[in-house]
Amino acid sequence: MQRLRFSARETALVSGMIEAHMRPVQIAQEQAPSRKAVYRFFRDTGEAGIDTLFLSLADHLGTMGPRVELEGWRRHVAVIDYVLRMRFEERVVVEPPKLVDGDDLMSALGIPPGPRLGELLELVREAQAAGELTTREEAIALARREASAG
């Protein structure tokens, strides 16, 4: 890609898309992806998430060629459709509103700043995206349970 004069950002986007293009199929084994799986997909793919979904469709067709099975194609399209609908219709799954921040958890749990604090904040965001909690109090309680267990 350097020979084609792609920027470092463009190279990183394309590399990320290639790396993640199979995930939509992997997160939907025999059922619709969970809210948590959709959250993780967009968290991990960032701004390349939507492009990655379309690359997944193109890869399916490119791999199967003229032997594409209609039922398999329909399942694949249904997964992509579901993930896209979650992205645009249920923003709370992809970008849950902040219930707590690092200061809240440091104050409530008496923990210092550091990687563990970041892990607890991510745990809260993931649980929130999955619909497992909706209030600040629930977020702090989850972080407290995890902090005492870990």
Foldseek 3Di string as FASTA:
>chain_A
DVVVVDDPVRVVLVVLLVVCLCLLVVQQDPHAHALLSLQVQCVSNPPSSLVSLVVNLVVLCVVCPPVRDPVVSVVSVVSSVVSVCCVPVVVCSNPNPQQDDLVRLCVLQVDDDDDLSVVLSVVLSSCRSNVNDDHSVVSNVSSNVVVVVD
